[in-house]
C-alpha atoms as a PDB file:
ATOM      1  CA  UNK A   1      79.962-143.925 116.478  1.00  0.00           C
ATOM      2  CA  UNK A   2      82.274-142.949 119.340  1.00  0.00           C
ATOM      3  CA  UNK A   3      83.916-146.359 119.738  1.00  0.00           C
ATOM      4  CA  UNK A   4      87.250-147.051 118.115  1.00  0.00           C
ATOM      5  CA  UNK A   5      86.993-148.812 114.768  1.00  0.00           C
ATOM      6  CA  UNK A   6      88.657-152.214 114.377  1.00  0.00           C
ATOM      7  CA  UNK A   7      89.380-151.320 110.736  1.00  0.00           C
ATOM      8  CA  UNK A   8      89.043-148.200 108.589  1.00  0.00           C
ATOM      9  CA  UNK A   9      88.938-147.873 104.823  1.00  0.00           C
ATOM     10  CA  UNK A  10      86.455-147.437 101.973  1.00  0.00           C
ATOM     11  CA  UNK A  11      83.526-149.366 100.587  1.00  0.00           C
ATOM     12  CA  UNK A  12      82.946-149.426  96.845  1.00  0.00           C
ATOM     13  CA  UNK A  13      79.711-150.402  95.099  1.00  0.00           C
ATOM     14  CA  UNK A  14      79.269-149.385  91.499  1.00  0.00           C
ATOM     15  CA  UNK A  15      80.696-145.908  91.064  1.00  0.00           C
ATOM     16  CA  UNK A  16      79.951-144.957  94.683  1.00  0.00           C
ATOM     17  CA  UNK A  17      82.741-144.903  97.248  1.00  0.00           C
ATOM     18  CA  UNK A  18      82.673-143.713 100.833  1.00  0.00           C
ATOM     19  CA  UNK A  19      84.844-143.911 103.938  1.00  0.00           C
ATOM     20  CA  UNK A  20      83.752-146.579 106.412  1.00  0.00           C
ATOM     21  CA  UNK A  21      84.827-148.319 109.565  1.00  0.00           C
ATOM     22  CA  UNK A  22      84.215-151.779 110.990  1.00  0.00           C
ATOM     23  CA  UNK A  23      83.200-151.811 114.647  1.00  0.00           C
ATOM     24  CA  UNK A  24      83.079-155.157 116.430  1.00  0.00           C
ATOM     25  CA  UNK A  25      79.499-156.151 117.220  1.00  0.00           C
ATOM     26  CA  UNK A  26      80.719-158.464 120.002  1.00  0.00           C
ATOM     27  CA  UNK A  27      82.178-157.641 123.385  1.00  0.00           C
ATOM     28  CA  UNK A  28      83.760-159.682 126.157  1.00  0.00           C
ATOM     29  CA  UNK A  29      83.927-156.863 128.705  1.00  0.00           C
ATOM     30  CA  UNK A  30      81.103-158.351 130.786  1.00  0.00           C
ATOM     31  CA  UNK A  31      82.600-161.837 130.866  1.00  0.00           C
ATOM     32  CA  UNK A  32      84.350-163.021 134.000  1.00  0.00           C
ATOM     33  CA  UNK A  33      88.031-163.680 133.274  1.00  0.00           C
ATOM     34  CA  UNK A  34      90.786-165.078 135.448  1.00  0.00           C
ATOM     35  CA  UNK A  35      94.554-164.841 135.657  1.00  0.00           C
ATOM     36  CA  UNK A  36      96.777-167.702 136.765  1.00  0.00           C
ATOM     37  CA  UNK A  37      98.311-166.925 140.179  1.00  0.00           C
ATOM     38  CA  UNK A  38     100.672-168.647 142.572  1.00  0.00           C
ATOM     39  CA  UNK A  39      98.582-170.217 145.340  1.00  0.00           C
ATOM     40  CA  UNK A  40     101.401-169.742 147.872  1.00  0.00           C
ATOM     41  CA  UNK A  41     102.241-166.085 147.177  1.00  0.00           C
ATOM     42  CA  UNK A  42      99.107-164.782 145.451  1.00  0.00           C
ATOM     43  CA  UNK A  43     101.299-163.329 142.696  1.00  0.00           C
ATOM     44  CA  UNK A  44     100.410-163.601 139.034  1.00  0.00           C
ATOM     45  CA  UNK A  45     102.208-166.366 137.126  1.00  0.00           C
ATOM     46  CA  UNK A  46     103.992-165.413 133.900  1.00  0.00           C
ATOM     47  CA  UNK A  47     104.076-167.751 130.914  1.00  0.00           C
ATOM     48  CA  UNK A  48     107.486-168.900 129.726  1.00  0.00           C
ATOM     49  CA  UNK A  49     108.415-170.938 126.645  1.00  0.00           C
ATOM     50  CA  UNK A  50     110.844-173.785 127.223  1.00  0.00           C
ATOM     51  CA  UNK A  51     112.505-176.302 124.929  1.00  0.00           C
ATOM     52  CA  UNK A  52     110.474-179.531 125.095  1.00  0.00           C
ATOM     53  CA  UNK A  53     113.661-181.611 125.046  1.00  0.00           C
ATOM     54  CA  UNK A  54     116.217-179.681 127.105  1.00  0.00           C
ATOM     55  CA  UNK A  55     113.771-177.836 129.354  1.00  0.00           C
ATOM     56  CA  UNK A  56     115.754-174.601 128.849  1.00  0.00           C
ATOM     57  CA  UNK A  57     113.908-171.314 128.517  1.00  0.00           C
ATOM     58  CA  UNK A  58     113.729-170.035 124.926  1.00  0.00           C
ATOM     59  CA  UNK A  59     114.144-166.299 124.436  1.00  0.00           C
ATOM     60  CA  UNK A  60     111.691-164.423 122.210  1.00  0.00           C
ATOM     61  CA  UNK A  61     114.230-163.853 119.413  1.00  0.00           C
ATOM     62  CA  UNK A  62     114.781-167.613 119.139  1.00  0.00           C
ATOM     63  CA  UNK A  63     111.087-168.460 118.875  1.00  0.00           C
ATOM     64  CA  UNK A  64     110.032-169.216 115.275  1.00  0.00           C
ATOM     65  CA  UNK A  65     107.106-170.994 113.657  1.00  0.00           C
ATOM     66  CA  UNK A  66     107.499-174.598 112.641  1.00  0.00           C
ATOM     67  CA  UNK A  67     105.370-176.977 110.563  1.00  0.00           C
ATOM     68  CA  UNK A  68     105.466-180.533 111.907  1.00  0.00           C
ATOM     69  CA  UNK A  69     106.147-183.339 109.457  1.00  0.00           C
ATOM     70  CA  UNK A  70     104.868-186.900 109.762  1.00  0.00           C
ATOM     71  CA  UNK A  71     108.222-188.064 111.149  1.00  0.00           C
ATOM     72  CA  UNK A  72     108.068-185.498 113.967  1.00  0.00           C
ATOM     73  CA  UNK A  73     110.623-183.078 112.495  1.00  0.00           C
ATOM     74  CA  UNK A  74     109.781-179.431 111.878  1.00  0.00           C
ATOM     75  CA  UNK A  75     110.143-177.199 108.846  1.00  0.00           C
ATOM     76  CA  UNK A  76     111.069-173.761 110.205  1.00  0.00           C
ATOM     77  CA  UNK A  77     109.278-170.784 108.647  1.00  0.00           C
ATOM     78  CA  UNK A  78     110.675-167.334 109.391  1.00  0.00           C
ATOM     79  CA  UNK A  79     108.500-164.342 110.163  1.00  0.00           C
ATOM     80  CA  UNK A  80     109.699-162.333 107.158  1.00  0.00           C
ATOM     81  CA  UNK A  81     108.818-165.263 104.867  1.00  0.00           C
ATOM     82  CA  UNK A  82     105.242-165.202 106.135  1.00  0.00           C
ATOM     83  CA  UNK A  83     105.117-161.398 105.839  1.00  0.00           C
ATOM     84  CA  UNK A  84     105.900-161.648 102.109  1.00  0.00           C
ATOM     85  CA  UNK A  85     102.798-163.817 101.620  1.00  0.00           C
ATOM     86  CA  UNK A  86     100.434-161.317 103.246  1.00  0.00           C
ATOM     87  CA  UNK A  87      98.381-159.515 100.585  1.00  0.00           C
ATOM     88  CA  UNK A  88      98.807-155.795 100.184  1.00  0.00           C
ATOM     89  CA  UNK A  89      95.767-153.884 101.360  1.00  0.00           C
ATOM     90  CA  UNK A  90      94.274-150.958  99.480  1.00  0.00           C
ATOM     91  CA  UNK A  91      91.788-150.488 102.354  1.00  0.00           C
ATOM     92  CA  UNK A  92      88.774-151.086 100.113  1.00  0.00           C
ATOM     93  CA  UNK A  93      85.749-153.347 100.657  1.00  0.00           C
ATOM     94  CA  UNK A  94      84.566-154.253  97.157  1.00  0.00           C
ATOM     95  CA  UNK A  95      81.033-155.525  96.712  1.00  0.00           C
ATOM     96  CA  UNK A  96      81.088-158.351  94.161  1.00  0.00           C
ATOM     97  CA  UNK A  97      77.386-159.147  93.881  1.00  0.00           C
ATOM     98  CA  UNK A  98      74.052-159.273  95.668  1.00  0.00           C
ATOM     99  CA  UNK A  99      72.274-162.449  96.729  1.00  0.00           C
ATOM    100  CA  UNK A 100      69.037-163.349  98.501  1.00  0.00           C
ATOM    101  CA  UNK A 101      69.429-162.906 102.274  1.00  0.00           C
ATOM    102  CA  UNK A 102      68.655-166.553 103.015  1.00  0.00           C
ATOM    103  CA  UNK A 103      70.807-167.983 100.213  1.00  0.00           C
ATOM    104  CA  UNK A 104      74.029-168.350 102.190  1.00  0.00           C
ATOM    105  CA  UNK A 105      74.394-171.128 104.778  1.00  0.00           C
ATOM    106  CA  UNK A 106      74.834-169.586 108.243  1.00  0.00           C
ATOM    107  CA  UNK A 107      77.479-172.205 109.010  1.00  0.00           C
ATOM    108  CA  UNK A 108      79.849-169.941 107.099  1.00  0.00           C
ATOM    109  CA  UNK A 109      79.207-166.926 109.361  1.00  0.00           C
ATOM    110  CA  UNK A 110      82.291-165.953 111.376  1.00  0.00           C
ATOM    111  CA  UNK A 111      82.445-162.573 113.178  1.00  0.00           C
ATOM    112  CA  UNK A 112      79.965-159.678 112.892  1.00  0.00           C
ATOM    113  CA  UNK A 113      80.874-155.997 112.629  1.00  0.00           C
ATOM    114  CA  UNK A 114      78.840-152.818 112.468  1.00  0.00           C
ATOM    115  CA  UNK A 115      79.618-151.158 109.132  1.00  0.00           C
ATOM    116  CA  UNK A 116      79.349-147.399 109.529  1.00  0.00           C
ATOM    117  CA  UNK A 117      80.484-144.262 107.747  1.00  0.00           C
ATOM    118  CA  UNK A 118      83.440-142.473 109.306  1.00  0.00           C
ATOM    119  CA  UNK A 119      82.501-139.089 107.859  1.00  0.00           C
ATOM    120  CA  UNK A 120      79.255-137.222 107.260  1.00  0.00           C
ATOM    121  CA  UNK A 121      79.398-137.544 103.475  1.00  0.00           C
ATOM    122  CA  UNK A 122      79.212-141.333 103.611  1.00  0.00           C
ATOM    123  CA  UNK A 123      76.205-141.631 105.906  1.00  0.00           C
ATOM    124  CA  UNK A 124      73.682-140.886 103.149  1.00  0.00           C
ATOM    125  CA  UNK A 125      75.312-143.374 100.774  1.00  0.00           C
ATOM    126  CA  UNK A 126      75.298-146.193 103.348  1.00  0.00           C
ATOM    127  CA  UNK A 127      71.747-145.383 104.416  1.00  0.00           C
ATOM    128  CA  UNK A 128      70.632-145.502 100.786  1.00  0.00           C
ATOM    129  CA  UNK A 129      72.387-148.832 100.280  1.00  0.00           C
ATOM    130  CA  UNK A 130      70.867-150.313 103.456  1.00  0.00           C
ATOM    131  CA  UNK A 131      67.323-149.248 102.546  1.00  0.00           C
ATOM    132  CA  UNK A 132      67.639-150.421  98.950  1.00  0.00           C
ATOM    133  CA  UNK A 133      68.945-153.823 100.090  1.00  0.00           C
ATOM    134  CA  UNK A 134      66.179-154.091 102.678  1.00  0.00           C
ATOM    135  CA  UNK A 135      63.569-153.357 100.041  1.00  0.00           C
ATOM    136  CA  UNK A 136      65.038-155.915  97.640  1.00  0.00           C
ATOM    137  CA  UNK A 137      65.557-158.514 100.370  1.00  0.00           C
ATOM    138  CA  UNK A 138      69.200-159.022  99.439  1.00  0.00           C
ATOM    139  CA  UNK A 139      72.631-159.145 101.029  1.00  0.00           C
ATOM    140  CA  UNK A 140      75.966-158.209  99.474  1.00  0.00           C
ATOM    141  CA  UNK A 141      79.009-160.445  99.043  1.00  0.00           C
ATOM    142  CA  UNK A 142      82.223-158.442  99.295  1.00  0.00           C
ATOM    143  CA  UNK A 143      85.976-158.965  99.479  1.00  0.00           C
ATOM    144  CA  UNK A 144      88.684-157.048 101.298  1.00  0.00           C
ATOM    145  CA  UNK A 145      92.040-157.444 102.989  1.00  0.00           C
ATOM    146  CA  UNK A 146      91.273-157.247 106.695  1.00  0.00           C
ATOM    147  CA  UNK A 147      93.752-157.758 109.510  1.00  0.00           C
ATOM    148  CA  UNK A 148      96.496-158.892 107.093  1.00  0.00           C
ATOM    149  CA  UNK A 149      94.395-161.564 105.377  1.00  0.00           C
ATOM    150  CA  UNK A 150      92.053-161.646 102.424  1.00  0.00           C
ATOM    151  CA  UNK A 151      88.491-161.960 103.687  1.00  0.00           C
ATOM    152  CA  UNK A 152      85.068-162.580 102.238  1.00  0.00           C
ATOM    153  CA  UNK A 153      82.185-160.733 103.887  1.00  0.00           C
ATOM    154  CA  UNK A 154      78.429-160.804 103.756  1.00  0.00           C
ATOM    155  CA  UNK A 155      76.882-157.361 104.263  1.00  0.00           C
ATOM    156  CA  UNK A 156      73.259-157.354 105.438  1.00  0.00           C
ATOM    157  CA  UNK A 157      70.779-154.584 106.175  1.00  0.00           C
ATOM    158  CA  UNK A 158      69.782-154.425 109.834  1.00  0.00           C
ATOM    159  CA  UNK A 159      67.461-151.780 111.268  1.00  0.00           C
ATOM    160  CA  UNK A 160      68.384-149.164 108.632  1.00  0.00           C
ATOM    161  CA  UNK A 161      72.087-149.865 109.117  1.00  0.00           C
ATOM    162  CA  UNK A 162      74.541-152.450 107.796  1.00  0.00           C
ATOM    163  CA  UNK A 163      76.148-155.485 109.413  1.00  0.00           C
ATOM    164  CA  UNK A 164      79.299-156.913 107.820  1.00  0.00           C
ATOM    165  CA  UNK A 165      80.106-160.489 108.832  1.00  0.00           C
ATOM    166  CA  UNK A 166      83.337-162.191 107.881  1.00  0.00           C
ATOM    167  CA  UNK A 167      82.800-165.629 106.379  1.00  0.00           C
ATOM    168  CA  UNK A 168      84.644-168.864 107.014  1.00  0.00           C
ATOM    169  CA  UNK A 169      86.333-170.297 103.949  1.00  0.00           C
ATOM    170  CA  UNK A 170      84.960-173.472 102.424  1.00  0.00           C
ATOM    171  CA  UNK A 171      87.826-175.626 103.747  1.00  0.00           C
ATOM    172  CA  UNK A 172      87.097-174.418 107.307  1.00  0.00           C
ATOM    173  CA  UNK A 173      83.511-175.731 107.346  1.00  0.00           C
ATOM    174  CA  UNK A 174      83.129-179.440 107.898  1.00  0.00           C
ATOM    175  CA  UNK A 175      80.946-181.480 105.594  1.00  0.00           C
ATOM    176  CA  UNK A 176      77.610-182.431 107.132  1.00  0.00           C
ATOM    177  CA  UNK A 177      77.663-185.720 105.251  1.00  0.00           C
ATOM    178  CA  UNK A 178      80.350-187.209 107.518  1.00  0.00           C
ATOM    179  CA  UNK A 179      78.448-186.236 110.677  1.00  0.00           C
ATOM    180  CA  UNK A 180      74.929-187.246 109.644  1.00  0.00           C
ATOM    181  CA  UNK A 181      75.792-190.295 107.522  1.00  0.00           C
ATOM    182  CA  UNK A 182      74.438-192.669 110.197  1.00  0.00           C
ATOM    183  CA  UNK A 183      70.946-191.095 110.324  1.00  0.00           C
ATOM    184  CA  UNK A 184      68.548-193.633 108.791  1.00  0.00           C
ATOM    185  CA  UNK A 185      65.751-192.724 106.411  1.00  0.00           C
ATOM    186  CA  UNK A 186      62.593-192.678 108.508  1.00  0.00           C
ATOM    187  CA  UNK A 187      58.935-192.038 107.833  1.00  0.00           C
ATOM    188  CA  UNK A 188      56.687-191.100 110.756  1.00  0.00           C
ATOM    189  CA  UNK A 189      52.965-191.744 110.948  1.00  0.00           C
ATOM    190  CA  UNK A 190      50.408-188.941 110.852  1.00  0.00           C
ATOM    191  CA  UNK A 191      49.769-189.056 114.611  1.00  0.00           C
ATOM    192  CA  UNK A 192      53.412-188.439 115.489  1.00  0.00           C
ATOM    193  CA  UNK A 193      53.726-185.591 112.985  1.00  0.00           C
ATOM    194  CA  UNK A 194      50.486-184.067 114.283  1.00  0.00           C
ATOM    195  CA  UNK A 195      51.631-184.318 117.923  1.00  0.00           C
ATOM    196  CA  UNK A 196      55.002-182.740 117.086  1.00  0.00           C
ATOM    197  CA  UNK A 197      53.267-180.013 115.069  1.00  0.00           C
ATOM    198  CA  UNK A 198      50.926-179.297 117.984  1.00  0.00           C
ATOM    199  CA  UNK A 199      53.874-178.802 120.358  1.00  0.00           C
ATOM    200  CA  UNK A 200      55.626-176.534 117.852  1.00  0.00           C
ATOM    201  CA  UNK A 201      52.524-174.337 117.412  1.00  0.00           C
ATOM    202  CA  UNK A 202      51.943-174.056 121.146  1.00  0.00           C
ATOM    203  CA  UNK A 203      55.528-172.954 121.697  1.00  0.00           C
ATOM    204  CA  UNK A 204      55.654-170.444 118.848  1.00  0.00           C
ATOM    205  CA  UNK A 205      57.317-167.195 119.862  1.00  0.00           C
ATOM    206  CA  UNK A 206      59.942-164.601 119.013  1.00  0.00           C
ATOM    207  CA  UNK A 207      63.637-164.466 119.838  1.00  0.00           C
ATOM    208  CA  UNK A 208      64.583-162.126 122.686  1.00  0.00           C
ATOM    209  CA  UNK A 209      68.344-162.386 123.414  1.00  0.00           C
ATOM    210  CA  UNK A 210      67.892-160.882 126.889  1.00  0.00           C
ATOM    211  CA  UNK A 211      65.681-163.833 127.832  1.00  0.00           C
ATOM    212  CA  UNK A 212      68.662-166.196 127.543  1.00  0.00           C
ATOM    213  CA  UNK A 213      71.325-165.096 130.039  1.00  0.00           C
ATOM    214  CA  UNK A 214      74.759-166.663 130.279  1.00  0.00           C
ATOM    215  CA  UNK A 215      74.048-168.641 133.459  1.00  0.00           C
ATOM    216  CA  UNK A 216      77.611-169.914 133.731  1.00  0.00           C
ATOM    217  CA  UNK A 217      79.091-166.390 133.590  1.00  0.00           C
ATOM    218  CA  UNK A 218      76.469-165.166 136.091  1.00  0.00           C
ATOM    219  CA  UNK A 219      77.353-168.039 138.402  1.00  0.00           C
ATOM    220  CA  UNK A 220      81.060-167.162 138.131  1.00  0.00           C
ATOM    221  CA  UNK A 221      80.293-163.541 139.024  1.00  0.00           C
ATOM    222  CA  UNK A 222      78.249-164.687 142.020  1.00  0.00           C
ATOM    223  CA  UNK A 223      81.044-167.033 143.113  1.00  0.00           C
ATOM    224  CA  UNK A 224      83.646-164.245 142.974  1.00  0.00           C
ATOM    225  CA  UNK A 225      81.363-161.853 144.864  1.00  0.00           C
ATOM    226  CA  UNK A 226      80.645-164.497 147.510  1.00  0.00           C
ATOM    227  CA  UNK A 227      84.377-165.107 148.029  1.00  0.00           C
ATOM    228  CA  UNK A 228      84.974-161.351 148.341  1.00  0.00           C
ATOM    229  CA  UNK A 229      82.258-161.145 151.005  1.00  0.00           C
ATOM    230  CA  UNK A 230      83.408-164.349 152.719  1.00  0.00           C
ATOM    231  CA  UNK A 231      80.113-166.202 152.395  1.00  0.00           C
ATOM    232  CA  UNK A 232      79.246-169.641 151.132  1.00  0.00           C
ATOM    233  CA  UNK A 233      77.382-170.136 147.872  1.00  0.00           C
ATOM    234  CA  UNK A 234      74.724-172.762 147.301  1.00  0.00           C
ATOM    235  CA  UNK A 235      75.075-175.103 144.359  1.00  0.00           C
ATOM    236  CA  UNK A 236      72.126-175.067 141.973  1.00  0.00           C
ATOM    237  CA  UNK A 237      70.666-178.530 141.445  1.00  0.00           C
ATOM    238  CA  UNK A 238      68.903-179.202 138.160  1.00  0.00           C
ATOM    239  CA  UNK A 239      65.556-180.961 138.332  1.00  0.00           C
ATOM    240  CA  UNK A 240      65.841-184.588 137.237  1.00  0.00           C
ATOM    241  CA  UNK A 241      63.439-185.797 134.568  1.00  0.00           C
ATOM    242  CA  UNK A 242      62.382-189.309 133.699  1.00  0.00           C
ATOM    243  CA  UNK A 243      63.664-190.567 130.376  1.00  0.00           C
ATOM    244  CA  UNK A 244      60.926-191.709 128.016  1.00  0.00           C
ATOM    245  CA  UNK A 245      62.260-194.244 125.559  1.00  0.00           C
ATOM    246  CA  UNK A 246      59.200-194.456 123.311  1.00  0.00           C
ATOM    247  CA  UNK A 247      59.151-191.424 120.982  1.00  0.00           C
ATOM    248  CA  UNK A 248      55.386-191.448 120.440  1.00  0.00           C
ATOM    249  CA  UNK A 249      54.731-191.685 124.187  1.00  0.00           C
ATOM    250  CA  UNK A 250      57.119-188.765 124.768  1.00  0.00           C
ATOM    251  CA  UNK A 251      55.204-186.697 122.204  1.00  0.00           C
ATOM    252  CA  UNK A 252      51.894-187.557 123.840  1.00  0.00           C
ATOM    253  CA  UNK A 253      53.159-186.520 127.268  1.00  0.00           C
ATOM    254  CA  UNK A 254      54.527-183.278 125.892  1.00  0.00           C
ATOM    255  CA  UNK A 255      51.269-182.504 124.085  1.00  0.00           C
ATOM    256  CA  UNK A 256      49.236-183.222 127.224  1.00  0.00           C
ATOM    257  CA  UNK A 257      51.565-181.012 129.221  1.00  0.00           C
ATOM    258  CA  UNK A 258      51.086-178.155 126.742  1.00  0.00           C
ATOM    259  CA  UNK A 259      47.303-178.489 126.960  1.00  0.00           C
ATOM    260  CA  UNK A 260      47.409-178.477 130.761  1.00  0.00           C
ATOM    261  CA  UNK A 261      49.666-175.435 130.773  1.00  0.00           C
ATOM    262  CA  UNK A 262      47.300-173.654 128.387  1.00  0.00           C
ATOM    263  CA  UNK A 263      44.337-174.236 130.689  1.00  0.00           C
ATOM    264  CA  UNK A 264      46.196-173.025 133.784  1.00  0.00           C
ATOM    265  CA  UNK A 265      47.232-169.769 132.113  1.00  0.00           C
ATOM    266  CA  UNK A 266      43.728-168.782 131.015  1.00  0.00           C
ATOM    267  CA  UNK A 267      42.556-165.678 132.810  1.00  0.00           C
ATOM    268  CA  UNK A 268      39.865-166.261 135.393  1.00  0.00           C
ATOM    269  CA  UNK A 269      37.025-163.730 135.706  1.00  0.00           C
ATOM    270  CA  UNK A 270      37.869-161.141 138.294  1.00  0.00           C
ATOM    271  CA  UNK A 271      36.097-161.703 141.602  1.00  0.00           C
ATOM    272  CA  UNK A 272      33.674-159.003 142.679  1.00  0.00           C
ATOM    273  CA  UNK A 273      34.896-157.101 145.712  1.00  0.00           C
ATOM    274  CA  UNK A 274      32.768-154.925 147.924  1.00  0.00           C
ATOM    275  CA  UNK A 275      33.889-151.339 148.380  1.00  0.00           C
ATOM    276  CA  UNK A 276      33.307-149.667 151.684  1.00  0.00           C
ATOM    277  CA  UNK A 277      31.921-146.191 151.447  1.00  0.00           C
ATOM    278  CA  UNK A 278      33.550-143.556 153.512  1.00  0.00           C
ATOM    279  CA  UNK A 279      31.287-142.287 156.290  1.00  0.00           C
END
């Protein structure tokens, strides 16, 4: 890889060790971003920190972290105190164990990275690991100190290479029980299940990320371009749909719509056309 690695170190599995790098699998370079500017002058506005009580500007050296107590006071924590808590890094990703690829709840997935060898000697080892994991249908759970914090990662095979995704800790993932506690136990009749199943089968497909553009970002880009060119931009109006309160009736309408769409997309026999011979 020619891109700069976000992190470099080693990966260790069994007695095998090789040099690797983590390369962010995400990018924001194509996203439209804005700066805050002064409407009157057109100059960029700089952020300043001020005391919430006195309104005076606070210099950088006087800015410290504070933990707010219930009474509104703050416990001040110095930067060097936090630094002492940061774990020492030996720059090693240690694979703890292997699990089935679908065993871990994707709610815990945080940020994906391409895991690649940083020297020629490690490419064979990583390729072997990726192919063996692919064949076994497993992913690896690993631990490492990344970006000054201990992290847990899931390493998965992906197209003969490896993807390492940092995982959220258990306390960071909300319990589903509190969100879905109000959902009542329901049993649906065979007709409703059959109608829903029919719609699902008719809409079966594969996931193509390019088929789902970021329409908001595209609209922002168009807005900026229109302002550069001095032209007006038309607002897109979404088509309004009638709300159907009855669930079974909604399913019936959807199923009928799928059938009608299926008939309209059937290929008609090509019409015979006469060809004129050249004289």
